[in-house]
Amino acid sequence: MTAHVKRLPPHHRHRPMVLGLTGSIGMGKSAVAKMLRAEGVPVFDADAEVYRLQGPGGALLPRIEAAFPGTTGANGVDRAKLGAAVFGNPAALRTLEHIVHPAVGRSRAAFVRAHRARRIIVFDIPLLFEKGGTQNVDGIIVVSAALWQQRQRVLARPGMTAARLRHIRHLQMADHHKRAHADWVIPTGGTKLATRQAVRKLLGNLRSSLAR
């Protein structure tokens, strides 16, 4: 698997080019996000923002507690309890999403304003395809590895089971479909050096195009 470019998306030069970074669970998205930051690209981490909003003193705690009594406390959301409340329950999951997603959207807009002078910024969004976020970006980077590597990585996580992985895969768009809809694919199944080189090559090509 190699990195490839399908097209350079249209871009409005009065604002940064916004790239969406996504990939299925265990495919190496967090590692690529770290590499992008190391190359000087601002990255908005949607998951990290969710943690902040749901952490100690988080702005969303009152609404989450009202919708899911007993799932919050002094340390913020009790993720085990909240996970048990929504896991396998589509209606409960939708309720939680209606609380969380608008707040994350406001934080993302503030991030864009703060970095409006940059040429390239990245939104790190795990469910970019699944939740209809593609209209908010100029181009999409998908990180991908072999399915056996994904399974090996995910099952090594504490508390993860094969059944839970199957359920998560069911909720996510299949990796081959994500790759088919990507503008760029970054392979993460080889060495970290190879992945870093792919990231640098992509950024070099984009920066050269934007400088024209």
C-alpha atoms as a PDB file:
ATOM      1  CA  MET A   1       0.000   0.000   0.000  1.00  0.00           C
ATOM      2  CA  THR A   2       1.380   3.419  -0.934  1.00  0.00           C
ATOM      3  CA  ALA A   3       0.261   6.989  -0.467  1.00  0.00           C
ATOM      4  CA  HIS A   4      -1.578   8.356  -3.449  1.00  0.00           C
ATOM      5  CA  VAL A   5      -3.194  11.591  -4.586  1.00  0.00           C
ATOM      6  CA  LYS A   6      -6.485  11.516  -6.469  1.00  0.00           C
ATOM      7  CA  ARG A   7      -6.898  15.247  -6.959  1.00  0.00           C
ATOM      8  CA  LEU A   8      -6.140  18.609  -5.419  1.00  0.00           C
ATOM      9  CA  PRO A   9      -9.483  19.834  -4.041  1.00  0.00           C
ATOM     10  CA  PRO A  10     -10.722  23.354  -4.718  1.00  0.00           C
ATOM     11  CA  HIS A  11      -9.525  25.850  -2.160  1.00  0.00           C
ATOM     12  CA  HIS A  12     -10.384  29.412  -1.235  1.00  0.00           C
ATOM     13  CA  ARG A  13      -7.126  31.301  -0.805  1.00  0.00           C
ATOM     14  CA  HIS A  14      -8.511  33.760   1.735  1.00  0.00           C
ATOM     15  CA  ARG A  15      -8.580  30.999   4.371  1.00  0.00           C
ATOM     16  CA  PRO A  16      -6.496  27.934   5.274  1.00  0.00           C
ATOM     17  CA  MET A  17      -6.861  24.718   3.325  1.00  0.00           C
ATOM     18  CA  VAL A  18      -8.744  22.436   5.718  1.00  0.00           C
ATOM     19  CA  LEU A  19      -7.826  18.771   5.564  1.00  0.00           C
ATOM     20  CA  GLY A  20      -9.905  16.080   7.220  1.00  0.00           C
ATOM     21  CA  LEU A  21      -7.840  13.301   8.798  1.00  0.00           C
ATOM     22  CA  THR A  22      -9.694  10.074   9.399  1.00  0.00           C
ATOM     23  CA  GLY A  23      -9.390   6.312   9.481  1.00  0.00           C
ATOM     24  CA  SER A  24     -10.951   3.300  11.103  1.00  0.00           C
ATOM     25  CA  ILE A  25     -10.134   2.266  14.643  1.00  0.00           C
ATOM     26  CA  GLY A  26      -6.565   1.056  15.075  1.00  0.00           C
ATOM     27  CA  MET A  27      -5.362   2.318  11.704  1.00  0.00           C
ATOM     28  CA  GLY A  28      -2.819   4.803  13.086  1.00  0.00           C
ATOM     29  CA  LYS A  29      -4.646   8.112  12.844  1.00  0.00           C
ATOM     30  CA  SER A  30      -3.283   9.445  16.147  1.00  0.00           C
ATOM     31  CA  ALA A  31       0.281   8.669  15.077  1.00  0.00           C
ATOM     32  CA  VAL A  32      -0.199  10.531  11.792  1.00  0.00           C
ATOM     33  CA  ALA A  33      -1.779  13.484  13.608  1.00  0.00           C
ATOM     34  CA  LYS A  34       1.311  13.698  15.809  1.00  0.00           C
ATOM     35  CA  MET A  35       3.529  13.646  12.710  1.00  0.00           C
ATOM     36  CA  LEU A  36       1.509  16.461  11.150  1.00  0.00           C
ATOM     37  CA  ARG A  37       1.930  18.575  14.276  1.00  0.00           C
ATOM     38  CA  ALA A  38       5.668  17.863  14.213  1.00  0.00           C
ATOM     39  CA  GLU A  39       5.701  19.297  10.675  1.00  0.00           C
ATOM     40  CA  GLY A  40       4.122  22.515  11.928  1.00  0.00           C
ATOM     41  CA  VAL A  41       0.514  21.858  10.919  1.00  0.00           C
ATOM     42  CA  PRO A  42      -2.190  22.827  13.465  1.00  0.00           C
ATOM     43  CA  VAL A  43      -4.443  19.843  14.187  1.00  0.00           C
ATOM     44  CA  PHE A  44      -7.869  20.025  15.813  1.00  0.00           C
ATOM     45  CA  ASP A  45      -8.403  16.755  17.673  1.00  0.00           C
ATOM     46  CA  ALA A  46     -12.135  16.128  17.935  1.00  0.00           C
ATOM     47  CA  ASP A  47     -11.705  13.304  20.450  1.00  0.00           C
ATOM     48  CA  ALA A  48      -9.475  15.412  22.693  1.00  0.00           C
ATOM     49  CA  GLU A  49     -12.045  18.195  22.628  1.00  0.00           C
ATOM     50  CA  VAL A  50     -14.762  15.740  23.632  1.00  0.00           C
ATOM     51  CA  TYR A  51     -12.618  14.638  26.567  1.00  0.00           C
ATOM     52  CA  ARG A  52     -12.131  18.273  27.605  1.00  0.00           C
ATOM     53  CA  LEU A  53     -15.843  19.052  27.402  1.00  0.00           C
ATOM     54  CA  GLN A  54     -16.665  15.928  29.415  1.00  0.00           C
ATOM     55  CA  GLY A  55     -13.766  16.169  31.876  1.00  0.00           C
ATOM     56  CA  PRO A  56     -13.695  17.758  35.353  1.00  0.00           C
ATOM     57  CA  GLY A  57     -15.731  20.965  35.196  1.00  0.00           C
ATOM     58  CA  GLY A  58     -16.578  20.293  31.556  1.00  0.00           C
ATOM     59  CA  ALA A  59     -19.273  22.422  29.966  1.00  0.00           C
ATOM     60  CA  LEU A  60     -21.340  19.407  28.901  1.00  0.00           C
ATOM     61  CA  LEU A  61     -21.556  17.650  32.265  1.00  0.00           C
ATOM     62  CA  PRO A  62     -24.943  19.094  33.344  1.00  0.00           C
ATOM     63  CA  ARG A  63     -26.659  18.090  30.086  1.00  0.00           C
ATOM     64  CA  ILE A  64     -25.073  14.636  30.063  1.00  0.00           C
ATOM     65  CA  GLU A  65     -26.077  14.031  33.675  1.00  0.00           C
ATOM     66  CA  ALA A  66     -29.636  15.124  32.911  1.00  0.00           C
ATOM     67  CA  ALA A  67     -29.870  12.738  29.976  1.00  0.00           C
ATOM     68  CA  PHE A  68     -27.952   9.872  31.607  1.00  0.00           C
ATOM     69  CA  PRO A  69     -28.320  10.121  35.402  1.00  0.00           C
ATOM     70  CA  GLY A  70     -25.419   8.790  37.434  1.00  0.00           C
ATOM     71  CA  THR A  71     -22.849   8.937  34.646  1.00  0.00           C
ATOM     72  CA  THR A  72     -20.943  12.026  35.816  1.00  0.00           C
ATOM     73  CA  GLY A  73     -19.100  13.079  38.948  1.00  0.00           C
ATOM     74  CA  ALA A  74     -16.292  15.237  40.298  1.00  0.00           C
ATOM     75  CA  ASN A  75     -13.894  13.745  37.756  1.00  0.00           C
ATOM     76  CA  GLY A  76     -16.222  14.393  34.851  1.00  0.00           C
ATOM     77  CA  VAL A  77     -17.954  11.716  32.832  1.00  0.00           C
ATOM     78  CA  ASP A  78     -17.576   8.163  34.079  1.00  0.00           C
ATOM     79  CA  ARG A  79     -16.776   6.646  30.707  1.00  0.00           C
ATOM     80  CA  ALA A  80     -17.553   3.100  31.763  1.00  0.00           C
ATOM     81  CA  LYS A  81     -21.046   4.067  32.941  1.00  0.00           C
ATOM     82  CA  LEU A  82     -21.764   6.304  29.977  1.00  0.00           C
ATOM     83  CA  GLY A  83     -20.450   3.673  27.589  1.00  0.00           C
ATOM     84  CA  ALA A  84     -22.729   1.082  29.158  1.00  0.00           C
ATOM     85  CA  ALA A  85     -25.675   3.465  28.767  1.00  0.00           C
ATOM     86  CA  VAL A  86     -25.176   3.997  25.034  1.00  0.00           C
ATOM     87  CA  PHE A  87     -23.400   0.844  23.821  1.00  0.00           C
ATOM     88  CA  GLY A  88     -25.749  -1.066  21.546  1.00  0.00           C
ATOM     89  CA  ASN A  89     -28.510   1.531  22.073  1.00  0.00           C
ATOM     90  CA  PRO A  90     -28.883   3.679  18.925  1.00  0.00           C
ATOM     91  CA  ALA A  91     -31.451   6.037  20.482  1.00  0.00           C
ATOM     92  CA  ALA A  92     -29.254   6.733  23.513  1.00  0.00           C
ATOM     93  CA  LEU A  93     -26.234   7.224  21.259  1.00  0.00           C
ATOM     94  CA  ARG A  94     -28.152   9.763  19.168  1.00  0.00           C
ATOM     95  CA  THR A  95     -29.123  11.642  22.323  1.00  0.00           C
ATOM     96  CA  LEU A  96     -25.484  11.834  23.378  1.00  0.00           C
ATOM     97  CA  GLU A  97     -24.388  12.930  19.911  1.00  0.00           C
ATOM     98  CA  HIS A  98     -26.960  15.748  19.905  1.00  0.00           C
ATOM     99  CA  ILE A  99     -25.352  17.008  23.108  1.00  0.00           C
ATOM    100  CA  VAL A 100     -21.730  16.603  22.085  1.00  0.00           C
ATOM    101  CA  HIS A 101     -21.504  17.355  18.357  1.00  0.00           C
ATOM    102  CA  PRO A 102     -22.743  20.983  18.364  1.00  0.00           C
ATOM    103  CA  ALA A 103     -20.325  21.841  21.184  1.00  0.00           C
ATOM    104  CA  VAL A 104     -17.424  20.281  19.303  1.00  0.00           C
ATOM    105  CA  GLY A 105     -18.488  22.198  16.201  1.00  0.00           C
ATOM    106  CA  ARG A 106     -18.251  25.489  18.090  1.00  0.00           C
ATOM    107  CA  SER A 107     -14.789  24.595  19.350  1.00  0.00           C
ATOM    108  CA  ARG A 108     -13.718  23.659  15.824  1.00  0.00           C
ATOM    109  CA  ALA A 109     -14.908  27.014  14.480  1.00  0.00           C
ATOM    110  CA  ALA A 110     -12.885  28.793  17.172  1.00  0.00           C
ATOM    111  CA  PHE A 111      -9.837  26.724  16.170  1.00  0.00           C
ATOM    112  CA  VAL A 112     -10.210  27.847  12.548  1.00  0.00           C
ATOM    113  CA  ARG A 113     -10.439  31.484  13.601  1.00  0.00           C
ATOM    114  CA  ALA A 114      -7.323  31.125  15.748  1.00  0.00           C
ATOM    115  CA  HIS A 115      -5.345  29.685  12.823  1.00  0.00           C
ATOM    116  CA  ARG A 116      -6.847  31.664   9.967  1.00  0.00           C
ATOM    117  CA  ALA A 117      -3.397  32.920   8.880  1.00  0.00           C
ATOM    118  CA  ARG A 118      -2.054  29.392   8.293  1.00  0.00           C
ATOM    119  CA  ARG A 119      -1.935  27.789   4.859  1.00  0.00           C
ATOM    120  CA  ILE A 120      -2.982  24.312   6.010  1.00  0.00           C
ATOM    121  CA  ILE A 121      -4.886  23.095   9.056  1.00  0.00           C
ATOM    122  CA  VAL A 122      -6.208  19.633   9.877  1.00  0.00           C
ATOM    123  CA  PHE A 123      -9.378  18.338  11.501  1.00  0.00           C
ATOM    124  CA  ASP A 124      -8.694  14.966  13.157  1.00  0.00           C
ATOM    125  CA  ILE A 125     -12.161  13.387  13.031  1.00  0.00           C
ATOM    126  CA  PRO A 126     -12.562   9.610  13.550  1.00  0.00           C
ATOM    127  CA  LEU A 127     -16.074   9.418  12.033  1.00  0.00           C
ATOM    128  CA  LEU A 128     -15.615  11.978   9.266  1.00  0.00           C
ATOM    129  CA  PHE A 129     -17.461   9.877   6.684  1.00  0.00           C
ATOM    130  CA  GLU A 130     -19.956   8.261   9.000  1.00  0.00           C
ATOM    131  CA  LYS A 131     -21.249  11.516  10.516  1.00  0.00           C
ATOM    132  CA  GLY A 132     -21.356  13.600   7.347  1.00  0.00           C
ATOM    133  CA  GLY A 133     -18.410  15.869   8.067  1.00  0.00           C
ATOM    134  CA  THR A 134     -16.899  15.774   4.607  1.00  0.00           C
ATOM    135  CA  GLN A 135     -18.593  19.033   3.584  1.00  0.00           C
ATOM    136  CA  ASN A 136     -16.517  20.891   6.190  1.00  0.00           C
ATOM    137  CA  VAL A 137     -13.133  20.067   4.634  1.00  0.00           C
ATOM    138  CA  ASP A 138     -11.303  20.783   1.381  1.00  0.00           C
ATOM    139  CA  GLY A 139      -9.681  17.366   1.161  1.00  0.00           C
ATOM    140  CA  ILE A 140      -9.601  14.060   3.004  1.00  0.00           C
ATOM    141  CA  ILE A 141      -6.624  12.071   4.290  1.00  0.00           C
ATOM    142  CA  VAL A 142      -7.342   8.451   5.171  1.00  0.00           C
ATOM    143  CA  VAL A 143      -4.855   6.422   7.201  1.00  0.00           C
ATOM    144  CA  SER A 144      -4.909   2.732   6.445  1.00  0.00           C
ATOM    145  CA  ALA A 145      -3.220  -0.560   7.268  1.00  0.00           C
ATOM    146  CA  ALA A 146      -3.993  -4.223   6.669  1.00  0.00           C
ATOM    147  CA  LEU A 147      -7.048  -5.537   8.483  1.00  0.00           C
ATOM    148  CA  TRP A 148      -4.955  -8.078  10.405  1.00  0.00           C
ATOM    149  CA  GLN A 149      -2.788  -5.234  11.677  1.00  0.00           C
ATOM    150  CA  GLN A 150      -5.868  -3.297  12.712  1.00  0.00           C
ATOM    151  CA  ARG A 151      -7.213  -6.297  14.621  1.00  0.00           C
ATOM    152  CA  GLN A 152      -3.870  -6.934  16.310  1.00  0.00           C
ATOM    153  CA  ARG A 153      -3.528  -3.303  17.425  1.00  0.00           C
ATOM    154  CA  VAL A 154      -7.071  -2.938  18.694  1.00  0.00           C
ATOM    155  CA  LEU A 155      -7.234  -6.221  20.598  1.00  0.00           C
ATOM    156  CA  ALA A 156      -4.049  -5.217  22.421  1.00  0.00           C
ATOM    157  CA  ARG A 157      -5.946  -2.346  24.056  1.00  0.00           C
ATOM    158  CA  PRO A 158      -7.083  -2.854  27.664  1.00  0.00           C
ATOM    159  CA  GLY A 159     -10.667  -4.022  27.908  1.00  0.00           C
ATOM    160  CA  MET A 160     -11.101  -4.606  24.185  1.00  0.00           C
ATOM    161  CA  THR A 161     -12.740  -7.807  22.999  1.00  0.00           C
ATOM    162  CA  ALA A 162     -13.295  -9.375  19.603  1.00  0.00           C
ATOM    163  CA  ALA A 163     -17.048  -8.810  19.969  1.00  0.00           C
ATOM    164  CA  ARG A 164     -16.573  -5.124  20.730  1.00  0.00           C
ATOM    165  CA  LEU A 165     -14.243  -4.746  17.761  1.00  0.00           C
ATOM    166  CA  ARG A 166     -16.833  -6.364  15.485  1.00  0.00           C
ATOM    167  CA  HIS A 167     -19.461  -3.934  16.765  1.00  0.00           C
ATOM    168  CA  ILE A 168     -17.192  -0.927  16.189  1.00  0.00           C
ATOM    169  CA  ARG A 169     -16.368  -2.125  12.682  1.00  0.00           C
ATOM    170  CA  HIS A 170     -20.077  -2.449  11.995  1.00  0.00           C
ATOM    171  CA  LEU A 171     -20.602   1.202  12.970  1.00  0.00           C
ATOM    172  CA  GLN A 172     -17.706   2.445  10.832  1.00  0.00           C
ATOM    173  CA  MET A 173     -17.427   2.654   7.073  1.00  0.00           C
ATOM    174  CA  ALA A 174     -15.256  -0.172   5.748  1.00  0.00           C
ATOM    175  CA  ASP A 175     -11.615   0.715   5.228  1.00  0.00           C
ATOM    176  CA  HIS A 176     -11.666   0.012   1.493  1.00  0.00           C
ATOM    177  CA  HIS A 177     -14.610   2.385   1.056  1.00  0.00           C
ATOM    178  CA  LYS A 178     -12.807   5.102   2.991  1.00  0.00           C
ATOM    179  CA  ARG A 179      -9.757   4.692   0.793  1.00  0.00           C
ATOM    180  CA  ALA A 180     -11.932   4.897  -2.318  1.00  0.00           C
ATOM    181  CA  HIS A 181     -13.384   8.225  -1.151  1.00  0.00           C
ATOM    182  CA  ALA A 182     -10.093   9.698   0.053  1.00  0.00           C
ATOM    183  CA  ASP A 183      -8.083  12.380  -1.674  1.00  0.00           C
ATOM    184  CA  TRP A 184      -4.931  11.005  -0.083  1.00  0.00           C
ATOM    185  CA  VAL A 185      -4.126   7.695   1.603  1.00  0.00           C
ATOM    186  CA  ILE A 186      -1.324   7.481   4.151  1.00  0.00           C
ATOM    187  CA  PRO A 187      -0.165   3.886   4.759  1.00  0.00           C
ATOM    188  CA  THR A 188       0.542   3.021   8.387  1.00  0.00           C
ATOM    189  CA  GLY A 189       1.258  -0.680   8.078  1.00  0.00           C
ATOM    190  CA  GLY A 190       5.006  -0.314   7.593  1.00  0.00           C
ATOM    191  CA  THR A 191       7.645   1.472   9.627  1.00  0.00           C
ATOM    192  CA  LYS A 192       7.088   4.807  11.346  1.00  0.00           C
ATOM    193  CA  LEU A 193       9.804   6.239   9.111  1.00  0.00           C
ATOM    194  CA  ALA A 194       7.877   5.216   5.989  1.00  0.00           C
ATOM    195  CA  THR A 195       4.696   6.786   7.336  1.00  0.00           C
ATOM    196  CA  ARG A 196       6.544   9.983   8.284  1.00  0.00           C
ATOM    197  CA  GLN A 197       8.041  10.172   4.789  1.00  0.00           C
ATOM    198  CA  ALA A 198       4.559   9.820   3.279  1.00  0.00           C
ATOM    199  CA  VAL A 199       3.285  12.651   5.499  1.00  0.00           C
ATOM    200  CA  ARG A 200       6.186  14.907   4.533  1.00  0.00           C
ATOM    201  CA  LYS A 201       5.735  14.155   0.849  1.00  0.00           C
ATOM    202  CA  LEU A 202       2.040  15.007   1.003  1.00  0.00           C
ATOM    203  CA  LEU A 203       2.666  18.273   2.858  1.00  0.00           C
ATOM    204  CA  GLY A 204       5.453  19.202   0.461  1.00  0.00           C
ATOM    205  CA  ASN A 205       3.187  18.694  -2.541  1.00  0.00           C
ATOM    206  CA  LEU A 206       0.354  20.680  -0.973  1.00  0.00           C
ATOM    207  CA  ARG A 207       2.554  23.558   0.111  1.00  0.00           C
ATOM    208  CA  SER A 208       4.100  23.776  -3.351  1.00  0.00           C
ATOM    209  CA  SER A 209       0.639  23.853  -4.956  1.00  0.00           C
ATOM    210  CA  LEU A 210      -0.639  26.519  -2.569  1.00  0.00           C
ATOM    211  CA  ALA A 211       2.432  28.676  -3.171  1.00  0.00           C
ATOM    212  CA  ARG A 212       1.739  28.936  -6.918  1.00  0.00           C
END
